[in-house]
Amino acid sequence: MIEEIKYAAQNSLVLVTGSSHGELPPLPQDKIVSATQEIILIGTMSSQDGDTSITLTNEEIETSTDSKLHIAYRGHLDTPNREISVRNIFDEIIIKLPTATNSCEVSVWVNDDSEPDKLVVCFL
């Protein structure tokens, strides 16, 4: 399954979560992503500069269609509600998909290391 949206993220940040609770990671300093077991914090293009294309998928990433996409993060995310969501800084769900398990391997792909206008969150 694939969900995609164009979104101007407030404060240039989105959160990927498996529930509405969890330990918030520190703000990313020298990387575009910061994470805990419960929340992945991802920097985006400034909302003043336009929308960021955000894709959430449980399918393999095809990088041949976008040669600028590269992996920025790989790790595990707790998903006790058996769903994964992308949220804004006000904890409002932007997009979400169901998961098959209570924990997922997640990879975050971006097209720029400082202000990506395209990011893909893949979970397996």
C-alpha atoms as a PDB file:
ATOM      1  CA  MET A   1       0.000   0.000   0.000  1.00  0.00           C
ATOM      2  CA  ILE A   2       1.075   3.549  -0.685  1.00  0.00           C
ATOM      3  CA  GLU A   3      -0.233   6.834   0.709  1.00  0.00           C
ATOM      4  CA  GLU A   4       1.154  10.108  -0.612  1.00  0.00           C
ATOM      5  CA  ILE A   5       0.502  13.760   0.146  1.00  0.00           C
ATOM      6  CA  LYS A   6       2.039  17.146  -0.559  1.00  0.00           C
ATOM      7  CA  TYR A   7       2.290  19.038   2.715  1.00  0.00           C
ATOM      8  CA  ALA A   8       3.837  22.289   3.990  1.00  0.00           C
ATOM      9  CA  ALA A   9       5.177  21.183   7.369  1.00  0.00           C
ATOM     10  CA  GLN A  10       5.105  23.696  10.198  1.00  0.00           C
ATOM     11  CA  ASN A  11       8.586  24.268  11.666  1.00  0.00           C
ATOM     12  CA  SER A  12       9.920  22.079   8.813  1.00  0.00           C
ATOM     13  CA  LEU A  13       9.273  18.896  10.837  1.00  0.00           C
ATOM     14  CA  VAL A  14       7.072  15.802  10.640  1.00  0.00           C
ATOM     15  CA  LEU A  15       6.839  12.877  13.053  1.00  0.00           C
ATOM     16  CA  VAL A  16       6.473   9.205  12.185  1.00  0.00           C
ATOM     17  CA  THR A  17       4.811   7.276  15.012  1.00  0.00           C
ATOM     18  CA  GLY A  18       3.271   3.936  15.820  1.00  0.00           C
ATOM     19  CA  SER A  19       1.035   5.378  18.549  1.00  0.00           C
ATOM     20  CA  SER A  20       0.022   8.730  19.970  1.00  0.00           C
ATOM     21  CA  HIS A  21       2.441   8.399  22.897  1.00  0.00           C
ATOM     22  CA  GLY A  22       6.170   8.040  23.140  1.00  0.00           C
ATOM     23  CA  GLU A  23       9.510   9.582  23.910  1.00  0.00           C
ATOM     24  CA  LEU A  24      10.202  12.517  21.619  1.00  0.00           C
ATOM     25  CA  PRO A  25      13.713  12.416  20.140  1.00  0.00           C
ATOM     26  CA  PRO A  26      15.939  15.491  20.280  1.00  0.00           C
ATOM     27  CA  LEU A  27      15.653  17.918  17.374  1.00  0.00           C
ATOM     28  CA  PRO A  28      17.906  16.899  14.495  1.00  0.00           C
ATOM     29  CA  GLN A  29      21.156  18.886  14.601  1.00  0.00           C
ATOM     30  CA  ASP A  30      23.651  17.539  12.077  1.00  0.00           C
ATOM     31  CA  LYS A  31      21.296  15.004  10.441  1.00  0.00           C
ATOM     32  CA  ILE A  32      17.853  15.254   8.875  1.00  0.00           C
ATOM     33  CA  VAL A  33      16.428  12.488  11.122  1.00  0.00           C
ATOM     34  CA  SER A  34      16.359  11.857  14.877  1.00  0.00           C
ATOM     35  CA  ALA A  35      14.618   8.844  16.425  1.00  0.00           C
ATOM     36  CA  THR A  36      13.554   6.850  19.452  1.00  0.00           C
ATOM     37  CA  GLN A  37      11.757   3.467  19.464  1.00  0.00           C
ATOM     38  CA  GLU A  38       8.420   5.335  19.466  1.00  0.00           C
ATOM     39  CA  ILE A  39       8.931   8.430  17.283  1.00  0.00           C
ATOM     40  CA  ILE A  40      10.999   9.363  14.239  1.00  0.00           C
ATOM     41  CA  LEU A  41      11.448  13.106  13.732  1.00  0.00           C
ATOM     42  CA  ILE A  42      12.198  14.167  10.133  1.00  0.00           C
ATOM     43  CA  GLY A  43      13.204  17.581   8.811  1.00  0.00           C
ATOM     44  CA  THR A  44      11.490  18.825   5.658  1.00  0.00           C
ATOM     45  CA  MET A  45      11.703  21.737   3.286  1.00  0.00           C
ATOM     46  CA  SER A  46      10.637  25.014   4.874  1.00  0.00           C
ATOM     47  CA  SER A  47       6.886  25.542   4.596  1.00  0.00           C
ATOM     48  CA  GLN A  48       7.631  29.056   3.294  1.00  0.00           C
ATOM     49  CA  ASP A  49       9.409  27.480   0.317  1.00  0.00           C
ATOM     50  CA  GLY A  50       6.534  25.165  -0.574  1.00  0.00           C
ATOM     51  CA  ASP A  51       5.168  21.683  -0.077  1.00  0.00           C
ATOM     52  CA  THR A  52       7.100  18.524   0.693  1.00  0.00           C
ATOM     53  CA  SER A  53       5.997  15.329  -1.043  1.00  0.00           C
ATOM     54  CA  ILE A  54       5.569  12.699   1.694  1.00  0.00           C
ATOM     55  CA  THR A  55       5.062   9.038   0.841  1.00  0.00           C
ATOM     56  CA  LEU A  56       4.227   6.300   3.361  1.00  0.00           C
ATOM     57  CA  THR A  57       4.495   2.755   2.044  1.00  0.00           C
ATOM     58  CA  ASN A  58       4.977  -0.882   2.969  1.00  0.00           C
ATOM     59  CA  GLU A  59       6.419  -1.623  -0.480  1.00  0.00           C
ATOM     60  CA  GLU A  60      10.052  -1.695  -1.563  1.00  0.00           C
ATOM     61  CA  ILE A  61      11.541   1.640  -2.631  1.00  0.00           C
ATOM     62  CA  GLU A  62      12.361   1.992  -6.332  1.00  0.00           C
ATOM     63  CA  THR A  63      15.265   4.449  -6.414  1.00  0.00           C
ATOM     64  CA  SER A  64      15.771   4.154 -10.153  1.00  0.00           C
ATOM     65  CA  THR A  65      12.783   6.466 -10.673  1.00  0.00           C
ATOM     66  CA  ASP A  66      14.399   9.193  -8.526  1.00  0.00           C
ATOM     67  CA  SER A  67      18.193   9.048  -8.477  1.00  0.00           C
ATOM     68  CA  LYS A  68      18.412  11.753  -5.784  1.00  0.00           C
ATOM     69  CA  LEU A  69      16.588   9.609  -3.200  1.00  0.00           C
ATOM     70  CA  HIS A  70      18.959   8.154  -0.622  1.00  0.00           C
ATOM     71  CA  ILE A  71      18.540   6.573   2.769  1.00  0.00           C
ATOM     72  CA  ALA A  72      18.686   8.944   5.731  1.00  0.00           C
ATOM     73  CA  TYR A  73      17.613   6.531   8.490  1.00  0.00           C
ATOM     74  CA  ARG A  74      17.002   2.843   9.133  1.00  0.00           C
ATOM     75  CA  GLY A  75      15.728   1.454  12.429  1.00  0.00           C
ATOM     76  CA  HIS A  76      12.824  -0.072  14.337  1.00  0.00           C
ATOM     77  CA  LEU A  77       9.593   1.616  15.378  1.00  0.00           C
ATOM     78  CA  ASP A  78       7.137   0.315  17.973  1.00  0.00           C
ATOM     79  CA  THR A  79       3.628   0.088  16.499  1.00  0.00           C
ATOM     80  CA  PRO A  80       1.433  -1.170  19.388  1.00  0.00           C
ATOM     81  CA  ASN A  81      -1.749   0.065  17.650  1.00  0.00           C
ATOM     82  CA  ARG A  82      -0.741  -1.787  14.484  1.00  0.00           C
ATOM     83  CA  GLU A  83      -0.605   1.380  12.437  1.00  0.00           C
ATOM     84  CA  ILE A  84       2.065   3.813  11.405  1.00  0.00           C
ATOM     85  CA  SER A  85       1.304   7.481  10.860  1.00  0.00           C
ATOM     86  CA  VAL A  86       2.967  10.667   9.705  1.00  0.00           C
ATOM     87  CA  ARG A  87       1.931  13.566  11.940  1.00  0.00           C
ATOM     88  CA  ASN A  88       2.536  17.285  12.118  1.00  0.00           C
ATOM     89  CA  ILE A  89       4.078  19.000  15.140  1.00  0.00           C
ATOM     90  CA  PHE A  90       0.584  19.422  16.627  1.00  0.00           C
ATOM     91  CA  ASP A  91       0.194  15.600  16.674  1.00  0.00           C
ATOM     92  CA  GLU A  92      -2.428  15.696  13.906  1.00  0.00           C
ATOM     93  CA  ILE A  93      -2.340  12.728  11.521  1.00  0.00           C
ATOM     94  CA  ILE A  94      -1.376  13.654   7.965  1.00  0.00           C
ATOM     95  CA  ILE A  95      -1.353  10.117   6.524  1.00  0.00           C
ATOM     96  CA  LYS A  96      -1.429   6.612   8.021  1.00  0.00           C
ATOM     97  CA  LEU A  97      -1.388   2.931   7.089  1.00  0.00           C
ATOM     98  CA  PRO A  98      -2.023  -0.302   9.006  1.00  0.00           C
ATOM     99  CA  THR A  99       0.861  -2.581   9.997  1.00  0.00           C
ATOM    100  CA  ALA A 100       0.871  -6.352  10.423  1.00  0.00           C
ATOM    101  CA  THR A 101       2.892  -6.387  13.646  1.00  0.00           C
ATOM    102  CA  ASN A 102       3.610  -4.446  16.855  1.00  0.00           C
ATOM    103  CA  SER A 103       7.059  -3.420  15.601  1.00  0.00           C
ATOM    104  CA  CYS A 104       8.319  -2.473  12.145  1.00  0.00           C
ATOM    105  CA  GLU A 105      11.624  -1.966  10.429  1.00  0.00           C
ATOM    106  CA  VAL A 106      11.472   1.569   9.027  1.00  0.00           C
ATOM    107  CA  SER A 107      13.619   3.332   6.475  1.00  0.00           C
ATOM    108  CA  VAL A 108      13.451   7.030   5.638  1.00  0.00           C
ATOM    109  CA  TRP A 109      14.543   8.164   2.179  1.00  0.00           C
ATOM    110  CA  VAL A 110      15.111  11.826   1.263  1.00  0.00           C
ATOM    111  CA  ASN A 111      16.241  13.753  -1.806  1.00  0.00           C
ATOM    112  CA  ASP A 112      18.266  16.346   0.145  1.00  0.00           C
ATOM    113  CA  ASP A 113      20.183  16.191   3.439  1.00  0.00           C
ATOM    114  CA  SER A 114      19.155  19.619   4.704  1.00  0.00           C
ATOM    115  CA  GLU A 115      15.730  20.573   3.257  1.00  0.00           C
ATOM    116  CA  PRO A 116      14.195  17.677   1.331  1.00  0.00           C
ATOM    117  CA  ASP A 117      11.122  18.395  -0.748  1.00  0.00           C
ATOM    118  CA  LYS A 118      10.586  14.656  -1.150  1.00  0.00           C
ATOM    119  CA  LEU A 119      10.658  12.021   1.571  1.00  0.00           C
ATOM    120  CA  VAL A 120       9.594   8.411   1.586  1.00  0.00           C
ATOM    121  CA  VAL A 121       8.903   6.399   4.748  1.00  0.00           C
ATOM    122  CA  CYS A 122       9.017   2.664   4.065  1.00  0.00           C
ATOM    123  CA  PHE A 123       8.063   0.078   6.679  1.00  0.00           C
ATOM    124  CA  LEU A 124       8.252  -3.696   6.526  1.00  0.00           C
END
